[in-house]
Amino acid sequence: YFDLTMKPGERRSLRVAIGNAGTDPAPAKIYAADVYTLVNGGFGLRTEGEPATGPTTWIDFAEETLSLEPERTIERKFAVRVPDGTAPGQ
């Protein structure tokens, strides 16, 4: 979960921790995906291969298929750049 306030044209480098709290290796596909609000609460998630829209297009995050070892955490770096001319509230 990230909560950022950025201005048009601004770029930030961030890191995300990805972990496996289980006792067995876990296959994973990591990628930036659109999320959206569902009726009556909760959120939906666009699946792999669906085109990114809106602010998700501002994220430079490399897709990766990997095996997460049990009780381990890895970090991945990514960048966010707000396009010039972006209206407030996006």
C-alpha atoms as a PDB file:
ATOM      1  CA  TYR A   1       0.000   0.000   0.000  1.00  0.00           C
ATOM      2  CA  PHE A   2       1.384   3.374  -1.043  1.00  0.00           C
ATOM      3  CA  ASP A   3      -0.098   6.798  -0.308  1.00  0.00           C
ATOM      4  CA  LEU A   4       1.727   9.447  -2.340  1.00  0.00           C
ATOM      5  CA  THR A   5       1.148  13.098  -3.090  1.00  0.00           C
ATOM      6  CA  MET A   6       3.048  14.130  -6.204  1.00  0.00           C
ATOM      7  CA  LYS A   7       3.039  17.024  -8.663  1.00  0.00           C
ATOM      8  CA  PRO A   8       2.879  16.833 -12.472  1.00  0.00           C
ATOM      9  CA  GLY A   9       6.306  16.006 -13.891  1.00  0.00           C
ATOM     10  CA  GLU A  10       7.552  14.583 -10.587  1.00  0.00           C
ATOM     11  CA  ARG A  11       9.254  11.174 -10.459  1.00  0.00           C
ATOM     12  CA  ARG A  12       9.917   9.022  -7.398  1.00  0.00           C
ATOM     13  CA  SER A  13      11.756   5.767  -6.859  1.00  0.00           C
ATOM     14  CA  LEU A  14      10.078   3.353  -4.455  1.00  0.00           C
ATOM     15  CA  ARG A  15      10.578  -0.167  -3.121  1.00  0.00           C
ATOM     16  CA  VAL A  16       8.070  -2.891  -2.397  1.00  0.00           C
ATOM     17  CA  ALA A  17       8.514  -5.937  -0.148  1.00  0.00           C
ATOM     18  CA  ILE A  18       7.099  -9.220  -1.469  1.00  0.00           C
ATOM     19  CA  GLY A  19       6.976 -12.137   0.914  1.00  0.00           C
ATOM     20  CA  ASN A  20       5.885 -15.677   1.547  1.00  0.00           C
ATOM     21  CA  ALA A  21       4.729 -16.311   5.126  1.00  0.00           C
ATOM     22  CA  GLY A  22       3.974 -19.959   4.347  1.00  0.00           C
ATOM     23  CA  THR A  23       6.034 -23.096   4.827  1.00  0.00           C
ATOM     24  CA  ASP A  24       6.304 -24.099   1.143  1.00  0.00           C
ATOM     25  CA  PRO A  25       7.768 -22.306  -1.888  1.00  0.00           C
ATOM     26  CA  ALA A  26       5.112 -20.257  -3.691  1.00  0.00           C
ATOM     27  CA  PRO A  27       5.114 -19.505  -7.415  1.00  0.00           C
ATOM     28  CA  ALA A  28       4.258 -15.873  -8.104  1.00  0.00           C
ATOM     29  CA  LYS A  29       3.762 -13.448 -10.980  1.00  0.00           C
ATOM     30  CA  ILE A  30       4.303  -9.835  -9.935  1.00  0.00           C
ATOM     31  CA  TYR A  31       3.172  -6.880 -12.041  1.00  0.00           C
ATOM     32  CA  ALA A  32       1.531  -3.449 -11.760  1.00  0.00           C
ATOM     33  CA  ALA A  33      -2.231  -3.823 -12.172  1.00  0.00           C
ATOM     34  CA  ASP A  34      -5.262  -1.564 -12.156  1.00  0.00           C
ATOM     35  CA  VAL A  35      -7.488  -1.855  -9.109  1.00  0.00           C
ATOM     36  CA  TYR A  36     -11.010  -0.525  -8.807  1.00  0.00           C
ATOM     37  CA  THR A  37     -13.787  -0.245  -6.249  1.00  0.00           C
ATOM     38  CA  LEU A  38     -16.482  -2.919  -6.277  1.00  0.00           C
ATOM     39  CA  VAL A  39     -20.156  -2.388  -5.494  1.00  0.00           C
ATOM     40  CA  ASN A  40     -20.739  -2.735  -1.720  1.00  0.00           C
ATOM     41  CA  GLY A  41     -17.032  -2.290  -0.909  1.00  0.00           C
ATOM     42  CA  GLY A  42     -13.839  -4.181  -1.579  1.00  0.00           C
ATOM     43  CA  PHE A  43     -11.699  -3.903  -4.662  1.00  0.00           C
ATOM     44  CA  GLY A  44     -11.276  -5.592  -7.999  1.00  0.00           C
ATOM     45  CA  LEU A  45      -7.976  -6.302  -9.717  1.00  0.00           C
ATOM     46  CA  ARG A  46      -7.303  -6.419 -13.443  1.00  0.00           C
ATOM     47  CA  THR A  47      -5.620  -9.651 -14.469  1.00  0.00           C
ATOM     48  CA  GLU A  48      -2.240 -10.152 -16.093  1.00  0.00           C
ATOM     49  CA  GLY A  49      -2.254  -9.117 -19.730  1.00  0.00           C
ATOM     50  CA  GLU A  50      -5.076  -6.593 -19.435  1.00  0.00           C
ATOM     51  CA  PRO A  51      -3.870  -3.167 -20.534  1.00  0.00           C
ATOM     52  CA  ALA A  52      -3.047  -0.678 -17.787  1.00  0.00           C
ATOM     53  CA  THR A  53      -5.135   2.489 -17.629  1.00  0.00           C
ATOM     54  CA  GLY A  54      -5.081   5.769 -15.712  1.00  0.00           C
ATOM     55  CA  PRO A  55      -2.447   6.207 -13.011  1.00  0.00           C
ATOM     56  CA  THR A  56      -1.270   2.600 -13.393  1.00  0.00           C
ATOM     57  CA  THR A  57       0.393   3.740 -16.635  1.00  0.00           C
ATOM     58  CA  TRP A  58       2.590   6.034 -14.532  1.00  0.00           C
ATOM     59  CA  ILE A  59       4.264   3.051 -12.840  1.00  0.00           C
ATOM     60  CA  ASP A  60       7.479   1.558 -14.235  1.00  0.00           C
ATOM     61  CA  PHE A  61       7.502  -1.901 -12.634  1.00  0.00           C
ATOM     62  CA  ALA A  62       9.086  -4.917 -14.307  1.00  0.00           C
ATOM     63  CA  GLU A  63       6.854  -7.994 -14.570  1.00  0.00           C
ATOM     64  CA  GLU A  64       8.473 -11.047 -13.085  1.00  0.00           C
ATOM     65  CA  THR A  65       7.691 -14.722 -12.574  1.00  0.00           C
ATOM     66  CA  LEU A  66       9.461 -16.191  -9.579  1.00  0.00           C
ATOM     67  CA  SER A  67       9.329 -18.681  -6.741  1.00  0.00           C
ATOM     68  CA  LEU A  68       9.015 -17.123  -3.303  1.00  0.00           C
ATOM     69  CA  GLU A  69      10.889 -19.179  -0.744  1.00  0.00           C
ATOM     70  CA  PRO A  70       9.092 -19.906   2.540  1.00  0.00           C
ATOM     71  CA  GLU A  71       9.368 -17.317   5.283  1.00  0.00           C
ATOM     72  CA  ARG A  72      11.410 -15.019   3.016  1.00  0.00           C
ATOM     73  CA  THR A  73      10.898 -11.490   1.728  1.00  0.00           C
ATOM     74  CA  ILE A  74      12.390  -9.919  -1.381  1.00  0.00           C
ATOM     75  CA  GLU A  75      12.432  -6.263  -2.409  1.00  0.00           C
ATOM     76  CA  ARG A  76      11.882  -4.799  -5.839  1.00  0.00           C
ATOM     77  CA  LYS A  77      12.453  -1.196  -6.907  1.00  0.00           C
ATOM     78  CA  PHE A  78      10.117   0.679  -9.203  1.00  0.00           C
ATOM     79  CA  ALA A  79       9.448   4.245 -10.309  1.00  0.00           C
ATOM     80  CA  VAL A  80       6.357   6.433 -10.492  1.00  0.00           C
ATOM     81  CA  ARG A  81       6.220   9.469 -12.780  1.00  0.00           C
ATOM     82  CA  VAL A  82       3.226  11.782 -12.892  1.00  0.00           C
ATOM     83  CA  PRO A  83       2.832  13.086 -16.466  1.00  0.00           C
ATOM     84  CA  ASP A  84       3.096  16.817 -17.118  1.00  0.00           C
ATOM     85  CA  GLY A  85      -0.337  18.459 -17.222  1.00  0.00           C
ATOM     86  CA  THR A  86      -1.990  15.937 -14.892  1.00  0.00           C
ATOM     87  CA  ALA A  87      -5.004  17.461 -13.133  1.00  0.00           C
ATOM     88  CA  PRO A  88      -5.157  17.520  -9.316  1.00  0.00           C
ATOM     89  CA  GLY A  89      -6.919  14.542  -7.755  1.00  0.00           C
ATOM     90  CA  GLN A  90      -5.778  11.930 -10.226  1.00  0.00           C
END
